[in-house]
Amino acid sequence: MAPLEVNAAGRPVVAYRAGGATETIKIGMNGVFFDNQTVDSLIQAMEECEANDWNPEQIRKHAEQYDITVFQKRLLSFLRDVAPNAME
């Protein structure tokens, strides 16, 4: 959740390549990964992040896909599709 909160502020993230971050971070668009839990790997990722010319609006727009209102609409749409009579 934290990477998306950072992205919602228009800022890129540096994240370990594991878990939910792998589903939400698009390399070069809204963040970078480090692959090893070592100081050198983290430093390399941070340097890559600092060298990139980030687009805050594009980062925010990507984060909006995960907004609670979008989630609610998608969930309700799914429920209407699988159980249309239950929504009455």
N, C-alpha and C. Protein backbone atom coordinates (compact mmCIF):
# COMPACT_ATOMS: atom_id res chain seq x y z
N MET A 1 0.82 -1.19 0.00
CA MET A 1 0.00 0.00 0.00
C MET A 1 0.86 1.26 0.00
N ALA A 2 1.95 1.25 0.73
CA ALA A 2 2.80 2.44 0.82
C ALA A 2 3.30 2.92 -0.54
N PRO A 3 3.76 2.03 -1.43
CA PRO A 3 4.20 2.54 -2.74
C PRO A 3 3.10 3.30 -3.49
N LEU A 4 1.88 2.81 -3.41
CA LEU A 4 0.78 3.49 -4.09
C LEU A 4 0.46 4.83 -3.44
N GLU A 5 0.61 4.92 -2.14
CA GLU A 5 0.37 6.19 -1.46
C GLU A 5 1.42 7.21 -1.89
N VAL A 6 2.65 6.77 -2.04
CA VAL A 6 3.71 7.65 -2.52
C VAL A 6 3.41 8.07 -3.96
N ASN A 7 3.02 7.11 -4.79
CA ASN A 7 2.67 7.42 -6.18
C ASN A 7 1.49 8.38 -6.27
N ALA A 8 0.53 8.26 -5.38
CA ALA A 8 -0.63 9.16 -5.39
C ALA A 8 -0.20 10.61 -5.17
N ALA A 9 0.96 10.80 -4.55
CA ALA A 9 1.51 12.14 -4.35
C ALA A 9 2.38 12.56 -5.53
N GLY A 10 2.44 11.72 -6.57
CA GLY A 10 3.19 12.05 -7.77
C GLY A 10 4.67 11.76 -7.67
N ARG A 11 5.05 10.96 -6.70
CA ARG A 11 6.46 10.66 -6.47
C ARG A 11 6.76 9.21 -6.83
N PRO A 12 7.94 8.93 -7.37
CA PRO A 12 8.33 7.55 -7.68
C PRO A 12 8.76 6.82 -6.41
N VAL A 13 8.81 5.51 -6.49
CA VAL A 13 9.24 4.71 -5.35
C VAL A 13 10.43 3.83 -5.72
N VAL A 14 11.18 3.48 -4.69
CA VAL A 14 12.23 2.48 -4.79
C VAL A 14 11.76 1.34 -3.91
N ALA A 15 11.58 0.16 -4.49
CA ALA A 15 11.01 -0.96 -3.74
C ALA A 15 11.76 -2.25 -4.01
N TYR A 16 11.75 -3.12 -3.01
CA TYR A 16 12.29 -4.46 -3.17
C TYR A 16 11.36 -5.22 -4.11
N ARG A 17 11.93 -5.94 -5.06
CA ARG A 17 11.12 -6.65 -6.06
C ARG A 17 10.50 -7.91 -5.44
N ALA A 18 9.35 -7.70 -4.77
CA ALA A 18 8.61 -8.80 -4.15
C ALA A 18 7.22 -8.29 -3.78
N GLY A 19 6.33 -9.22 -3.53
CA GLY A 19 5.00 -8.88 -3.04
C GLY A 19 4.20 -7.99 -3.98
N GLY A 20 3.34 -7.19 -3.38
CA GLY A 20 2.42 -6.35 -4.13
C GLY A 20 3.10 -5.30 -4.99
N ALA A 21 4.30 -4.91 -4.61
CA ALA A 21 5.01 -3.90 -5.41
C ALA A 21 5.21 -4.37 -6.84
N THR A 22 5.39 -5.66 -7.03
CA THR A 22 5.61 -6.18 -8.39
C THR A 22 4.37 -6.03 -9.27
N GLU A 23 3.22 -5.85 -8.66
CA GLU A 23 1.99 -5.70 -9.41
C GLU A 23 1.66 -4.24 -9.72
N THR A 24 2.22 -3.32 -8.95
CA THR A 24 1.83 -1.91 -9.11
C THR A 24 2.93 -1.01 -9.65
N ILE A 25 4.18 -1.42 -9.50
CA ILE A 25 5.27 -0.58 -9.99
C ILE A 25 5.63 -0.96 -11.41
N LYS A 26 5.66 0.03 -12.26
CA LYS A 26 6.08 -0.13 -13.66
C LYS A 26 7.43 0.57 -13.78
N ILE A 27 8.47 -0.21 -14.02
CA ILE A 27 9.83 0.30 -14.04
C ILE A 27 9.95 1.49 -15.00
N GLY A 28 10.53 2.55 -14.49
CA GLY A 28 10.75 3.74 -15.31
C GLY A 28 9.54 4.65 -15.43
N MET A 29 8.37 4.17 -15.02
CA MET A 29 7.16 4.98 -15.11
C MET A 29 6.78 5.54 -13.73
N ASN A 30 6.81 4.67 -12.71
CA ASN A 30 6.45 5.15 -11.38
C ASN A 30 7.37 4.63 -10.27
N GLY A 31 8.49 4.02 -10.68
CA GLY A 31 9.43 3.58 -9.68
C GLY A 31 10.48 2.64 -10.23
N VAL A 32 11.35 2.21 -9.35
CA VAL A 32 12.41 1.25 -9.69
C VAL A 32 12.49 0.20 -8.59
N PHE A 33 13.06 -0.94 -8.94
CA PHE A 33 13.22 -2.04 -7.99
C PHE A 33 14.69 -2.24 -7.64
N PHE A 34 14.90 -2.85 -6.47
CA PHE A 34 16.20 -3.43 -6.16
C PHE A 34 15.95 -4.90 -5.90
N ASP A 35 16.88 -5.75 -6.36
CA ASP A 35 16.65 -7.20 -6.34
C ASP A 35 17.28 -7.93 -5.17
N ASN A 36 18.27 -7.34 -4.57
CA ASN A 36 18.94 -7.98 -3.44
C ASN A 36 18.83 -7.09 -2.22
N GLN A 37 18.62 -7.69 -1.09
CA GLN A 37 18.50 -6.90 0.13
C GLN A 37 19.89 -6.60 0.68
N THR A 38 20.61 -5.80 -0.11
CA THR A 38 21.96 -5.38 0.26
C THR A 38 22.06 -3.87 0.10
N VAL A 39 23.02 -3.30 0.78
CA VAL A 39 23.23 -1.86 0.68
C VAL A 39 23.56 -1.47 -0.76
N ASP A 40 24.43 -2.24 -1.41
CA ASP A 40 24.82 -1.92 -2.77
C ASP A 40 23.64 -1.95 -3.74
N SER A 41 22.79 -2.95 -3.60
CA SER A 41 21.62 -3.06 -4.48
C SER A 41 20.67 -1.88 -4.27
N LEU A 42 20.48 -1.49 -3.02
CA LEU A 42 19.61 -0.36 -2.72
C LEU A 42 20.20 0.95 -3.25
N ILE A 43 21.49 1.12 -3.05
CA ILE A 43 22.15 2.33 -3.55
C ILE A 43 22.01 2.42 -5.06
N GLN A 44 22.22 1.33 -5.75
CA GLN A 44 22.10 1.32 -7.21
C GLN A 44 20.69 1.74 -7.64
N ALA A 45 19.67 1.20 -6.97
CA ALA A 45 18.28 1.55 -7.30
C ALA A 45 17.99 3.01 -7.01
N MET A 46 18.52 3.51 -5.90
CA MET A 46 18.30 4.92 -5.56
C MET A 46 18.97 5.84 -6.57
N GLU A 47 20.16 5.46 -7.02
CA GLU A 47 20.84 6.26 -8.04
C GLU A 47 20.07 6.24 -9.36
N GLU A 48 19.53 5.08 -9.70
CA GLU A 48 18.70 4.97 -10.91
C GLU A 48 17.46 5.85 -10.79
N CYS A 49 16.86 5.85 -9.62
CA CYS A 49 15.67 6.67 -9.38
C CYS A 49 16.00 8.15 -9.52
N GLU A 50 17.10 8.57 -8.95
CA GLU A 50 17.49 9.98 -8.99
C GLU A 50 17.86 10.42 -10.41
N ALA A 51 18.36 9.50 -11.23
CA ALA A 51 18.78 9.84 -12.59
C ALA A 51 17.61 9.94 -13.56
N ASN A 52 16.46 9.40 -13.19
CA ASN A 52 15.30 9.38 -14.07
C ASN A 52 14.57 10.73 -14.05
N ASP A 53 14.00 11.10 -15.17
CA ASP A 53 13.18 12.31 -15.26
C ASP A 53 11.71 11.88 -15.12
N TRP A 54 11.18 11.93 -13.92
CA TRP A 54 9.85 11.41 -13.61
C TRP A 54 8.76 12.40 -14.01
N ASN A 55 7.60 11.86 -14.37
CA ASN A 55 6.44 12.66 -14.72
C ASN A 55 5.41 12.53 -13.59
N PRO A 56 5.34 13.50 -12.67
CA PRO A 56 4.44 13.39 -11.52
C PRO A 56 2.97 13.14 -11.90
N GLU A 57 2.51 13.77 -12.97
CA GLU A 57 1.11 13.58 -13.38
C GLU A 57 0.87 12.14 -13.83
N GLN A 58 1.79 11.59 -14.59
CA GLN A 58 1.67 10.20 -15.04
C GLN A 58 1.70 9.24 -13.84
N ILE A 59 2.54 9.54 -12.87
CA ILE A 59 2.62 8.70 -11.67
C ILE A 59 1.30 8.74 -10.91
N ARG A 60 0.76 9.95 -10.71
CA ARG A 60 -0.54 10.08 -10.02
C ARG A 60 -1.65 9.34 -10.77
N LYS A 61 -1.66 9.50 -12.08
CA LYS A 61 -2.70 8.85 -12.90
C LYS A 61 -2.64 7.33 -12.74
N HIS A 62 -1.44 6.78 -12.72
CA HIS A 62 -1.29 5.34 -12.52
C HIS A 62 -1.85 4.92 -11.16
N ALA A 63 -1.55 5.69 -10.13
CA ALA A 63 -2.02 5.37 -8.77
C ALA A 63 -3.54 5.43 -8.67
N GLU A 64 -4.18 6.28 -9.47
CA GLU A 64 -5.63 6.41 -9.43
C GLU A 64 -6.35 5.11 -9.79
N GLN A 65 -5.68 4.23 -10.53
CA GLN A 65 -6.28 2.94 -10.88
C GLN A 65 -6.59 2.11 -9.63
N TYR A 66 -5.93 2.43 -8.53
CA TYR A 66 -6.06 1.66 -7.31
C TYR A 66 -6.84 2.43 -6.23
N ASP A 67 -7.45 3.54 -6.61
CA ASP A 67 -8.23 4.35 -5.69
C ASP A 67 -9.43 3.56 -5.17
N ILE A 68 -9.85 3.84 -3.97
CA ILE A 68 -10.96 3.11 -3.34
C ILE A 68 -12.24 3.22 -4.16
N THR A 69 -12.52 4.37 -4.76
CA THR A 69 -13.75 4.51 -5.54
C THR A 69 -13.70 3.63 -6.79
N VAL A 70 -12.53 3.52 -7.41
CA VAL A 70 -12.37 2.64 -8.57
C VAL A 70 -12.56 1.20 -8.15
N PHE A 71 -11.97 0.83 -7.02
CA PHE A 71 -12.13 -0.53 -6.50
C PHE A 71 -13.59 -0.84 -6.23
N GLN A 72 -14.31 0.08 -5.60
CA GLN A 72 -15.72 -0.15 -5.28
C GLN A 72 -16.55 -0.33 -6.54
N LYS A 73 -16.31 0.50 -7.55
CA LYS A 73 -17.06 0.38 -8.81
C LYS A 73 -16.79 -0.96 -9.48
N ARG A 74 -15.53 -1.37 -9.50
CA ARG A 74 -15.18 -2.65 -10.13
C ARG A 74 -15.79 -3.82 -9.37
N LEU A 75 -15.76 -3.74 -8.05
CA LEU A 75 -16.33 -4.81 -7.24
C LEU A 75 -17.84 -4.90 -7.45
N LEU A 76 -18.54 -3.77 -7.43
CA LEU A 76 -19.99 -3.78 -7.65
C LEU A 76 -20.33 -4.28 -9.05
N SER A 77 -19.57 -3.89 -10.02
CA SER A 77 -19.79 -4.36 -11.39
C SER A 77 -19.62 -5.87 -11.46
N PHE A 78 -18.58 -6.38 -10.83
CA PHE A 78 -18.35 -7.82 -10.80
C PHE A 78 -19.51 -8.54 -10.12
N LEU A 79 -19.95 -8.02 -8.98
CA LEU A 79 -21.06 -8.66 -8.25
C LEU A 79 -22.34 -8.64 -9.07
N ARG A 80 -22.58 -7.56 -9.78
CA ARG A 80 -23.78 -7.50 -10.65
C ARG A 80 -23.70 -8.54 -11.76
N ASP A 81 -22.50 -8.80 -12.26
CA ASP A 81 -22.33 -9.79 -13.32
C ASP A 81 -22.53 -11.21 -12.82
N VAL A 82 -21.99 -11.51 -11.64
CA VAL A 82 -22.05 -12.90 -11.15
C VAL A 82 -23.31 -13.21 -10.35
N ALA A 83 -23.92 -12.20 -9.77
CA ALA A 83 -25.13 -12.43 -8.96
C ALA A 83 -26.09 -11.24 -9.13
N PRO A 84 -26.66 -11.07 -10.33
CA PRO A 84 -27.49 -9.89 -10.59
C PRO A 84 -28.69 -9.75 -9.67
N ASN A 85 -29.27 -10.84 -9.21
CA ASN A 85 -30.46 -10.76 -8.35
C ASN A 85 -30.13 -10.44 -6.91
N ALA A 86 -28.89 -10.61 -6.51
CA ALA A 86 -28.49 -10.37 -5.13
C ALA A 86 -28.34 -8.89 -4.82
N MET A 87 -28.28 -8.07 -5.84
CA MET A 87 -28.04 -6.64 -5.64
C MET A 87 -29.33 -5.84 -5.50
N GLU A 88 -30.45 -6.50 -5.37
CA GLU A 88 -31.74 -5.79 -5.28
C GLU A 88 -32.02 -5.32 -3.87
